[in-house]
Amino acid sequence: MYNTILKKLEELERCENIRILLAVESGSRAWGFASPDSDYDVRFIYVRPRNEYLRLEGRRDVIEQAISDDLDINGWDLNKTLRLLHNSNPTLFEWFSSPIVYKETEFAVRFRTILNEYFSSKRGLMHYLSMAANNYREFLRGDMVKAKKYFYVLRPILACRWILDKGTPPPMLFTELVDSHLDPTLRPEVDRLLDLKMNAPELKLIPRVDTLNKYLDTSILEVRQQLMTLPDEPVKDWTVLNELFLSVVDAQ
């Protein structure tokens, strides 16, 4: 699949007249708890030739390619990427910390040197708390639940705890979050579910785990209360991002 992904990225560069600046794996494979039948979620950042940014008519700043049932490739334009960084978009921080990298350029190296300057604890908490609360409400209330859904609530909750503790972007790997911020008494149950998740099909149903549900109930409430106490953060300056944008576009 790795070679297939590289080939598809090369095809996109030719067909779309773009240069890919970074391409990584996102989702469960990058988080470290893929199931045997997990698909591949490839995400990339691209830049177009300079003249494309001087056109009066608008142009989509996203490229989406559903290659097959098990391969999905989506990308963001450089312009969109830098605007989202200015707004401290949590997804960007995940892409740039992915342990699975398909393509990287000098831009990615430069981007990482300024990345944390635009991190907002408050925006990160809002993002991960919303993700945890929505998934919990939708998927973990019944008597029988999908095993994998616990990780789509646990991971954002642990990410929130990381942010509250360290004030930095949370790591992508689930095991790193578990090692640093999961209640040790819950570790055996989480390890059991992790083994089940990684060795069973995606649709595996299990009885609801009440000890974990109680932990998640409490954690969502605690994070929400702490989020309400955080002050608004100052708006970041655009200068560095403008300079980076122009330097990458002029290099085309």
C-alpha atoms as a PDB file:
ATOM      1  CA  MET A   1       0.000   0.000   0.000  1.00  0.00           C
ATOM      2  CA  TYR A   2       2.905   2.374   0.719  1.00  0.00           C
ATOM      3  CA  ASN A   3       4.042   2.270  -2.919  1.00  0.00           C
ATOM      4  CA  THR A   4       0.456   2.643  -4.115  1.00  0.00           C
ATOM      5  CA  ILE A   5       0.071   5.783  -2.004  1.00  0.00           C
ATOM      6  CA  LEU A   6       3.311   7.277  -3.356  1.00  0.00           C
ATOM      7  CA  LYS A   7       2.152   6.576  -6.901  1.00  0.00           C
ATOM      8  CA  LYS A   8      -1.224   8.224  -6.296  1.00  0.00           C
ATOM      9  CA  LEU A   9       0.463  11.304  -4.820  1.00  0.00           C
ATOM     10  CA  GLU A  10       2.697  11.592  -7.891  1.00  0.00           C
ATOM     11  CA  GLU A  11      -0.356  11.298 -10.138  1.00  0.00           C
ATOM     12  CA  LEU A  12      -2.083  14.082  -8.204  1.00  0.00           C
ATOM     13  CA  GLU A  13       0.911  16.371  -8.645  1.00  0.00           C
ATOM     14  CA  ARG A  14       0.823  15.860 -12.426  1.00  0.00           C
ATOM     15  CA  CYS A  15      -2.944  16.014 -12.896  1.00  0.00           C
ATOM     16  CA  GLU A  16      -3.581  18.959 -10.559  1.00  0.00           C
ATOM     17  CA  ASN A  17      -0.396  20.887 -11.415  1.00  0.00           C
ATOM     18  CA  ILE A  18       0.610  21.085  -7.760  1.00  0.00           C
ATOM     19  CA  ARG A  19       3.630  20.332  -5.593  1.00  0.00           C
ATOM     20  CA  ILE A  20       2.996  18.309  -2.462  1.00  0.00           C
ATOM     21  CA  LEU A  21       4.825  19.766   0.527  1.00  0.00           C
ATOM     22  CA  LEU A  22       3.863  17.166   3.117  1.00  0.00           C
ATOM     23  CA  ALA A  23       1.925  13.900   2.989  1.00  0.00           C
ATOM     24  CA  VAL A  24       1.173  11.830   6.082  1.00  0.00           C
ATOM     25  CA  GLU A  25      -1.132   9.187   7.473  1.00  0.00           C
ATOM     26  CA  SER A  26      -3.978  10.373   9.678  1.00  0.00           C
ATOM     27  CA  GLY A  27      -6.562   8.450  11.681  1.00  0.00           C
ATOM     28  CA  SER A  28      -6.228   5.136  13.471  1.00  0.00           C
ATOM     29  CA  ARG A  29      -3.072   3.973  11.701  1.00  0.00           C
ATOM     30  CA  ALA A  30      -1.213   7.104  12.782  1.00  0.00           C
ATOM     31  CA  TRP A  31      -2.778   6.976  16.261  1.00  0.00           C
ATOM     32  CA  GLY A  32      -1.378   3.471  16.690  1.00  0.00           C
ATOM     33  CA  PHE A  33      -4.544   1.394  17.026  1.00  0.00           C
ATOM     34  CA  ALA A  34      -5.495   0.284  13.534  1.00  0.00           C
ATOM     35  CA  SER A  35      -7.766  -2.741  13.107  1.00  0.00           C
ATOM     36  CA  PRO A  36      -6.948  -5.470  10.567  1.00  0.00           C
ATOM     37  CA  ASP A  37      -9.403  -3.867   8.141  1.00  0.00           C
ATOM     38  CA  SER A  38      -8.724  -0.197   8.909  1.00  0.00           C
ATOM     39  CA  ASP A  39      -8.498   1.976   5.826  1.00  0.00           C
ATOM     40  CA  TYR A  40      -5.696   4.385   4.945  1.00  0.00           C
ATOM     41  CA  ASP A  41      -6.340   8.098   5.490  1.00  0.00           C
ATOM     42  CA  VAL A  42      -3.679  10.077   3.640  1.00  0.00           C
ATOM     43  CA  ARG A  43      -3.567  13.838   4.183  1.00  0.00           C
ATOM     44  CA  PHE A  44      -1.342  16.290   2.361  1.00  0.00           C
ATOM     45  CA  ILE A  45      -0.496  19.966   1.938  1.00  0.00           C
ATOM     46  CA  TYR A  46       0.178  21.352  -1.522  1.00  0.00           C
ATOM     47  CA  VAL A  47       1.143  24.547  -3.332  1.00  0.00           C
ATOM     48  CA  ARG A  48       0.166  25.704  -6.817  1.00  0.00           C
ATOM     49  CA  PRO A  49       2.194  27.813  -9.265  1.00  0.00           C
ATOM     50  CA  ARG A  50       2.434  31.479  -8.276  1.00  0.00           C
ATOM     51  CA  ASN A  51       0.062  32.775 -10.952  1.00  0.00           C
ATOM     52  CA  GLU A  52      -2.739  30.582  -9.595  1.00  0.00           C
ATOM     53  CA  TYR A  53      -2.798  32.772  -6.468  1.00  0.00           C
ATOM     54  CA  LEU A  54      -3.159  35.949  -8.545  1.00  0.00           C
ATOM     55  CA  ARG A  55      -6.412  34.992 -10.259  1.00  0.00           C
ATOM     56  CA  LEU A  56      -9.552  36.991  -9.532  1.00  0.00           C
ATOM     57  CA  GLU A  57     -11.880  34.025  -9.699  1.00  0.00           C
ATOM     58  CA  GLY A  58     -12.012  31.770  -6.696  1.00  0.00           C
ATOM     59  CA  ARG A  59     -10.652  28.257  -6.678  1.00  0.00           C
ATOM     60  CA  ARG A  60     -11.202  25.352  -4.306  1.00  0.00           C
ATOM     61  CA  ASP A  61      -8.481  25.086  -1.699  1.00  0.00           C
ATOM     62  CA  VAL A  62      -9.094  21.386  -1.034  1.00  0.00           C
ATOM     63  CA  ILE A  63      -8.379  18.292  -3.130  1.00  0.00           C
ATOM     64  CA  GLU A  64     -10.326  15.133  -2.286  1.00  0.00           C
ATOM     65  CA  GLN A  65      -9.723  11.715  -3.807  1.00  0.00           C
ATOM     66  CA  ALA A  66     -11.634   8.622  -2.683  1.00  0.00           C
ATOM     67  CA  ILE A  67      -9.354   6.097  -4.384  1.00  0.00           C
ATOM     68  CA  SER A  68     -10.973   2.920  -3.061  1.00  0.00           C
ATOM     69  CA  ASP A  69     -12.835   1.547  -0.049  1.00  0.00           C
ATOM     70  CA  ASP A  70      -9.565   1.286   1.863  1.00  0.00           C
ATOM     71  CA  LEU A  71      -7.719   4.392   0.619  1.00  0.00           C
ATOM     72  CA  ASP A  72      -8.802   7.999   1.022  1.00  0.00           C
ATOM     73  CA  ILE A  73      -6.549  10.929   0.041  1.00  0.00           C
ATOM     74  CA  ASN A  74      -7.332  14.567   0.894  1.00  0.00           C
ATOM     75  CA  GLY A  75      -5.206  17.700   0.737  1.00  0.00           C
ATOM     76  CA  TRP A  76      -5.219  21.368   1.717  1.00  0.00           C
ATOM     77  CA  ASP A  77      -3.792  24.266  -0.257  1.00  0.00           C
ATOM     78  CA  LEU A  78      -0.878  26.148   1.321  1.00  0.00           C
ATOM     79  CA  ASN A  79      -3.050  29.264   1.630  1.00  0.00           C
ATOM     80  CA  LYS A  80      -5.723  27.369   3.575  1.00  0.00           C
ATOM     81  CA  THR A  81      -3.085  25.631   5.690  1.00  0.00           C
ATOM     82  CA  LEU A  82      -1.489  28.853   6.890  1.00  0.00           C
ATOM     83  CA  ARG A  83      -4.846  30.461   7.618  1.00  0.00           C
ATOM     84  CA  LEU A  84      -5.817  27.446   9.689  1.00  0.00           C
ATOM     85  CA  LEU A  85      -2.511  27.567  11.539  1.00  0.00           C
ATOM     86  CA  HIS A  86      -3.203  31.200  12.421  1.00  0.00           C
ATOM     87  CA  ASN A  87      -6.467  29.960  13.967  1.00  0.00           C
ATOM     88  CA  SER A  88      -4.603  27.150  15.786  1.00  0.00           C
ATOM     89  CA  ASN A  89      -6.465  24.382  13.969  1.00  0.00           C
ATOM     90  CA  PRO A  90      -5.758  21.174  15.957  1.00  0.00           C
ATOM     91  CA  THR A  91      -5.830  18.958  12.866  1.00  0.00           C
ATOM     92  CA  LEU A  92      -2.702  20.646  11.528  1.00  0.00           C
ATOM     93  CA  PHE A  93      -0.770  19.898  14.691  1.00  0.00           C
ATOM     94  CA  GLU A  94      -1.729  16.239  14.295  1.00  0.00           C
ATOM     95  CA  TRP A  95      -0.645  16.062  10.658  1.00  0.00           C
ATOM     96  CA  PHE A  96       2.749  17.500  11.453  1.00  0.00           C
ATOM     97  CA  SER A  97       3.308  15.036  14.300  1.00  0.00           C
ATOM     98  CA  SER A  98       2.153  11.940  12.408  1.00  0.00           C
ATOM     99  CA  PRO A  99       4.586   9.039  12.802  1.00  0.00           C
ATOM    100  CA  ILE A 100       3.792   7.851   9.263  1.00  0.00           C
ATOM    101  CA  VAL A 101       5.185  10.247   6.655  1.00  0.00           C
ATOM    102  CA  TYR A 102       4.870   9.587   2.922  1.00  0.00           C
ATOM    103  CA  LYS A 103       6.510  12.769   1.678  1.00  0.00           C
ATOM    104  CA  GLU A 104       8.260  15.687   3.335  1.00  0.00           C
ATOM    105  CA  THR A 105       9.979  18.808   2.008  1.00  0.00           C
ATOM    106  CA  GLU A 106      11.969  21.710   3.401  1.00  0.00           C
ATOM    107  CA  PHE A 107       8.668  23.525   3.915  1.00  0.00           C
ATOM    108  CA  ALA A 108       7.576  20.924   6.477  1.00  0.00           C
ATOM    109  CA  VAL A 109      10.820  21.388   8.395  1.00  0.00           C
ATOM    110  CA  ARG A 110      10.378  25.173   8.448  1.00  0.00           C
ATOM    111  CA  PHE A 111       6.706  24.841   9.352  1.00  0.00           C
ATOM    112  CA  ARG A 112       7.490  22.771  12.419  1.00  0.00           C
ATOM    113  CA  THR A 113       9.831  25.470  13.755  1.00  0.00           C
ATOM    114  CA  ILE A 114       6.929  27.942  14.035  1.00  0.00           C
ATOM    115  CA  LEU A 115       4.081  25.512  14.661  1.00  0.00           C
ATOM    116  CA  ASN A 116       3.930  25.728  18.446  1.00  0.00           C
ATOM    117  CA  GLU A 117       3.967  29.522  18.396  1.00  0.00           C
ATOM    118  CA  TYR A 118       0.391  29.364  17.071  1.00  0.00           C
ATOM    119  CA  PHE A 119      -0.906  26.686  19.421  1.00  0.00           C
ATOM    120  CA  SER A 120      -3.910  27.732  21.492  1.00  0.00           C
ATOM    121  CA  SER A 121      -4.722  25.614  24.541  1.00  0.00           C
ATOM    122  CA  LYS A 122      -8.272  26.903  24.533  1.00  0.00           C
ATOM    123  CA  ARG A 123      -8.938  26.042  20.883  1.00  0.00           C
ATOM    124  CA  GLY A 124      -7.306  22.649  21.314  1.00  0.00           C
ATOM    125  CA  LEU A 125      -9.460  21.860  24.323  1.00  0.00           C
ATOM    126  CA  MET A 126     -12.624  22.963  22.551  1.00  0.00           C
ATOM    127  CA  HIS A 127     -11.794  20.722  19.595  1.00  0.00           C
ATOM    128  CA  TYR A 128     -10.967  17.576  21.567  1.00  0.00           C
ATOM    129  CA  LEU A 129     -13.726  18.047  24.122  1.00  0.00           C
ATOM    130  CA  SER A 130     -16.328  18.383  21.370  1.00  0.00           C
ATOM    131  CA  MET A 131     -14.973  15.275  19.667  1.00  0.00           C
ATOM    132  CA  ALA A 132     -15.049  13.262  22.901  1.00  0.00           C
ATOM    133  CA  ALA A 133     -18.504  14.429  23.996  1.00  0.00           C
ATOM    134  CA  ASN A 134     -20.116  13.869  20.590  1.00  0.00           C
ATOM    135  CA  ASN A 135     -18.655  10.394  20.110  1.00  0.00           C
ATOM    136  CA  TYR A 136     -19.516   9.425  23.673  1.00  0.00           C
ATOM    137  CA  ARG A 137     -23.111  10.550  23.344  1.00  0.00           C
ATOM    138  CA  GLU A 138     -23.583   8.896  19.952  1.00  0.00           C
ATOM    139  CA  PHE A 139     -21.740   5.598  20.333  1.00  0.00           C
ATOM    140  CA  LEU A 140     -21.181   4.563  23.956  1.00  0.00           C
ATOM    141  CA  ARG A 141     -24.586   4.871  25.620  1.00  0.00           C
ATOM    142  CA  GLY A 142     -26.079   1.528  24.592  1.00  0.00           C
ATOM    143  CA  ASP A 143     -25.762  -1.861  26.262  1.00  0.00           C
ATOM    144  CA  MET A 144     -23.683  -3.131  23.314  1.00  0.00           C
ATOM    145  CA  VAL A 145     -21.122  -0.834  21.719  1.00  0.00           C
ATOM    146  CA  LYS A 146     -18.392  -0.988  19.081  1.00  0.00           C
ATOM    147  CA  ALA A 147     -15.066  -1.594  20.809  1.00  0.00           C
ATOM    148  CA  LYS A 148     -13.257   0.909  18.590  1.00  0.00           C
ATOM    149  CA  LYS A 149     -15.515   3.761  19.677  1.00  0.00           C
ATOM    150  CA  TYR A 150     -13.927   3.805  23.123  1.00  0.00           C
ATOM    151  CA  PHE A 151     -10.707   4.982  21.513  1.00  0.00           C
ATOM    152  CA  TYR A 152     -12.471   7.784  19.664  1.00  0.00           C
ATOM    153  CA  VAL A 153     -13.493   9.146  23.059  1.00  0.00           C
ATOM    154  CA  LEU A 154     -10.515   8.130  25.184  1.00  0.00           C
ATOM    155  CA  ARG A 155      -7.953   9.629  22.853  1.00  0.00           C
ATOM    156  CA  PRO A 156      -9.463  13.154  22.740  1.00  0.00           C
ATOM    157  CA  ILE A 157     -10.061  13.084  26.514  1.00  0.00           C
ATOM    158  CA  LEU A 158      -6.420  12.180  27.134  1.00  0.00           C
ATOM    159  CA  ALA A 159      -5.428  14.868  24.632  1.00  0.00           C
ATOM    160  CA  CYS A 160      -7.389  17.374  26.737  1.00  0.00           C
ATOM    161  CA  ARG A 161      -5.613  16.234  29.876  1.00  0.00           C
ATOM    162  CA  TRP A 162      -2.261  16.621  28.097  1.00  0.00           C
ATOM    163  CA  ILE A 163      -3.105  20.183  27.068  1.00  0.00           C
ATOM    164  CA  LEU A 164      -4.278  21.111  30.564  1.00  0.00           C
ATOM    165  CA  ASP A 165      -1.127  19.649  32.071  1.00  0.00           C
ATOM    166  CA  LYS A 166       1.526  20.754  29.589  1.00  0.00           C
ATOM    167  CA  GLY A 167       0.008  23.528  27.490  1.00  0.00           C
ATOM    168  CA  THR A 168       1.422  21.999  24.295  1.00  0.00           C
ATOM    169  CA  PRO A 169      -0.081  20.096  21.344  1.00  0.00           C
ATOM    170  CA  PRO A 170      -0.830  16.484  22.343  1.00  0.00           C
ATOM    171  CA  PRO A 171       1.135  13.687  20.672  1.00  0.00           C
ATOM    172  CA  MET A 172      -0.457  11.654  17.913  1.00  0.00           C
ATOM    173  CA  LEU A 173       0.285   8.208  19.347  1.00  0.00           C
ATOM    174  CA  PHE A 174      -2.401   6.900  21.665  1.00  0.00           C
ATOM    175  CA  THR A 175       0.093   4.908  23.753  1.00  0.00           C
ATOM    176  CA  GLU A 176       2.016   8.068  24.597  1.00  0.00           C
ATOM    177  CA  LEU A 177      -1.164   9.719  25.866  1.00  0.00           C
ATOM    178  CA  VAL A 178      -2.053   6.605  27.857  1.00  0.00           C
ATOM    179  CA  ASP A 179       1.384   6.387  29.460  1.00  0.00           C
ATOM    180  CA  SER A 180       1.295  10.006  30.549  1.00  0.00           C
ATOM    181  CA  HIS A 181      -2.321  10.712  31.520  1.00  0.00           C
ATOM    182  CA  LEU A 182      -4.535   7.638  31.885  1.00  0.00           C
ATOM    183  CA  ASP A 183      -5.565   6.605  35.391  1.00  0.00           C
ATOM    184  CA  PRO A 184      -3.338   3.528  36.027  1.00  0.00           C
ATOM    185  CA  THR A 185      -6.257   1.549  37.435  1.00  0.00           C
ATOM    186  CA  LEU A 186      -7.902   1.679  34.004  1.00  0.00           C
ATOM    187  CA  ARG A 187      -4.827   0.498  32.103  1.00  0.00           C
ATOM    188  CA  PRO A 188      -5.664  -3.257  32.124  1.00  0.00           C
ATOM    189  CA  GLU A 189      -9.136  -2.614  30.690  1.00  0.00           C
ATOM    190  CA  VAL A 190      -7.792  -0.230  28.060  1.00  0.00           C
ATOM    191  CA  ASP A 191      -5.062  -2.705  27.097  1.00  0.00           C
ATOM    192  CA  ARG A 192      -7.709  -5.411  26.733  1.00  0.00           C
ATOM    193  CA  LEU A 193      -9.790  -3.205  24.452  1.00  0.00           C
ATOM    194  CA  LEU A 194      -6.726  -2.144  22.508  1.00  0.00           C
ATOM    195  CA  ASP A 195      -5.830  -5.765  21.830  1.00  0.00           C
ATOM    196  CA  LEU A 196      -9.413  -6.408  20.747  1.00  0.00           C
ATOM    197  CA  LYS A 197      -9.473  -3.335  18.534  1.00  0.00           C
ATOM    198  CA  MET A 198      -6.229  -4.233  16.772  1.00  0.00           C
ATOM    199  CA  ASN A 199      -7.057  -7.911  16.244  1.00  0.00           C
ATOM    200  CA  ALA A 200     -10.744  -7.879  15.373  1.00  0.00           C
ATOM    201  CA  PRO A 201     -12.819  -6.417  12.532  1.00  0.00           C
ATOM    202  CA  GLU A 202     -14.047  -2.845  12.812  1.00  0.00           C
ATOM    203  CA  LEU A 203     -17.628  -3.897  13.595  1.00  0.00           C
ATOM    204  CA  LYS A 204     -16.809  -5.911  16.735  1.00  0.00           C
ATOM    205  CA  LEU A 205     -19.537  -5.340  19.351  1.00  0.00           C
ATOM    206  CA  ILE A 206     -18.892  -5.699  23.079  1.00  0.00           C
ATOM    207  CA  PRO A 207     -20.886  -5.049  26.268  1.00  0.00           C
ATOM    208  CA  ARG A 208     -20.543  -1.480  27.520  1.00  0.00           C
ATOM    209  CA  VAL A 209     -17.594  -1.132  29.944  1.00  0.00           C
ATOM    210  CA  ASP A 210     -19.098   0.712  32.905  1.00  0.00           C
ATOM    211  CA  THR A 211     -15.768   1.546  34.564  1.00  0.00           C
ATOM    212  CA  LEU A 212     -14.610   3.336  31.428  1.00  0.00           C
ATOM    213  CA  ASN A 213     -17.962   5.037  30.918  1.00  0.00           C
ATOM    214  CA  LYS A 214     -17.796   6.411  34.448  1.00  0.00           C
ATOM    215  CA  TYR A 215     -14.268   7.707  33.798  1.00  0.00           C
ATOM    216  CA  LEU A 216     -15.379   9.330  30.548  1.00  0.00           C
ATOM    217  CA  ASP A 217     -18.462  10.904  32.145  1.00  0.00           C
ATOM    218  CA  THR A 218     -16.320  12.441  34.881  1.00  0.00           C
ATOM    219  CA  SER A 219     -13.539  13.503  32.527  1.00  0.00           C
ATOM    220  CA  ILE A 220     -15.836  15.279  30.084  1.00  0.00           C
ATOM    221  CA  LEU A 221     -17.374  17.259  32.934  1.00  0.00           C
ATOM    222  CA  GLU A 222     -13.977  18.116  34.453  1.00  0.00           C
ATOM    223  CA  VAL A 223     -12.487  19.284  31.163  1.00  0.00           C
ATOM    224  CA  ARG A 224     -15.574  21.363  30.382  1.00  0.00           C
ATOM    225  CA  GLN A 225     -15.335  23.089  33.757  1.00  0.00           C
ATOM    226  CA  GLN A 226     -11.629  23.822  33.374  1.00  0.00           C
ATOM    227  CA  LEU A 227     -12.129  25.093  29.836  1.00  0.00           C
ATOM    228  CA  MET A 228     -14.595  27.686  31.114  1.00  0.00           C
ATOM    229  CA  THR A 229     -11.913  29.165  33.380  1.00  0.00           C
ATOM    230  CA  LEU A 230      -9.351  29.752  30.627  1.00  0.00           C
ATOM    231  CA  PRO A 231      -8.916  33.355  29.463  1.00  0.00           C
ATOM    232  CA  ASP A 232      -9.091  34.372  25.821  1.00  0.00           C
ATOM    233  CA  GLU A 233      -5.720  34.294  24.121  1.00  0.00           C
ATOM    234  CA  PRO A 234      -4.228  37.179  22.113  1.00  0.00           C
ATOM    235  CA  VAL A 235      -4.560  37.119  18.319  1.00  0.00           C
ATOM    236  CA  LYS A 236      -1.300  36.116  16.656  1.00  0.00           C
ATOM    237  CA  ASP A 237       0.504  38.295  14.139  1.00  0.00           C
ATOM    238  CA  TRP A 238       0.352  37.369  10.438  1.00  0.00           C
ATOM    239  CA  THR A 239       3.862  38.491   9.493  1.00  0.00           C
ATOM    240  CA  VAL A 240       5.702  35.172   9.803  1.00  0.00           C
ATOM    241  CA  LEU A 241       2.954  33.286   7.975  1.00  0.00           C
ATOM    242  CA  ASN A 242       2.848  35.825   5.145  1.00  0.00           C
ATOM    243  CA  GLU A 243       6.609  35.558   4.725  1.00  0.00           C
ATOM    244  CA  LEU A 244       6.468  31.762   4.680  1.00  0.00           C
ATOM    245  CA  PHE A 245       3.657  31.770   2.136  1.00  0.00           C
ATOM    246  CA  LEU A 246       5.497  34.102  -0.246  1.00  0.00           C
ATOM    247  CA  SER A 247       8.778  32.244   0.046  1.00  0.00           C
ATOM    248  CA  VAL A 248       7.167  28.896  -0.820  1.00  0.00           C
ATOM    249  CA  VAL A 249       5.099  30.300  -3.679  1.00  0.00           C
ATOM    250  CA  ASP A 250       8.060  32.216  -5.147  1.00  0.00           C
ATOM    251  CA  ALA A 251      10.093  29.006  -5.115  1.00  0.00           C
ATOM    252  CA  GLN A 252       7.644  27.407  -7.539  1.00  0.00           C
END
